[in-house]
Amino acid sequence: MISFDWALKRLLRNKANFGVLEGFLSELLHQKITITNILESESNKDGENDKFNRVDLFAEDDKKEIIIIELQFNGEYDYFQRMLYGTSKAIAERMTKKMPYSQVRKVYSINIVYFDLGAGNDYIYRGFTDFKGLHTKEELKLSENQKKVYKTTYPGDLYPEYYIIKVTNFNDVAKDTLDEWVYYLKTNKIKDEFTAQGLDQAREVLAYDNLSDKEKQAYDNEAKRDRIKDSEIKTAFIDGEIKGEAKGKAEGEAERQALEKALEKEKAEREKEKIELEKEKAERQALEAKIDELKKQLKI
């Protein structure tokens, strides 16, 4: 099977392959998702992308809701803020000055990350806005008229939802159909017994052997670039460790020599102090001897 990031960039934007994404999203969001359109974004266009860049895909479903799928390999401390910015931008860009707020569109932000984002042991997280009373703890609901207009119950249903799939946290044991998708995201493999929505089509669409010769060449070339960049990063890391170790040794040797010099200087100063003390002692003893001699002469 080919990797999901490559499929997002090249295959899954094709309308004939929407069933793969629809299956994945239906399993994740626990509702039937039908994609009607793929929207352009700054990084989902064809180009010389590789796994060290983020991959995103903007989709629109039959309810005019926006779905952002973003895949990221490299860690970023501000990734949570980027998620927020992404949903805010998606909403703002699709509003005109004269549009009423009732036309603000629901956004789902799906984030597939291959680094340890935040501190947590789970591998799938959902972020959702709810409104609860500070005193009663009761969750705020829409009014009856609002429910009829928006066909939902809670204000949070109108707000963006965030999903984070921390792929590397998955233990490779698929306990349900969503896990089957996570298994594929981590291993690039789909087991024969998997039954999750979209995987049947994925077995065909995402199989390397079913790619055209041009697609195989593009996939192989990108894999080659990825391996080279992997090697470059590892080499730079090892070089950095070696240089750091050499620098540490040099700094350690310099510190040792400085310490030895300081000890030698301290030893010399102590020897000097000792000689001066002995000199003072001898002078005092000589003075005391003279005093004793003088006393004898004066018969004191």
Foldseek 3Di string as FASTA:
>chain_A
DAAPLLCQQPPCQDPVQVQLVQLLVCVVVVHRWAWDHKDDDPASHDDLDAQQDKHWTWTATPVRAIEIEIEHEDDDLCVVVVLVVVLVCVQVVPDDPPDDPVPRHEYEYEYEYADDHDDDLDFKDKDWDWDADPPPRDTDWDDPVVCVVVVDTGPRVRYYMYMYGHLVSDPLDDPDQNSQVSNCNNPVDHDPPRDGGSVVSCCQRVDLVNDDPVVNVSSVVSVVVVVVVVVVVVVVVVVVVVVVVVVVVVVVVVVVVVVVVVVVVVVVVVVVVVVVVVVVVVVVVVVVVVVVVVCVVVVD
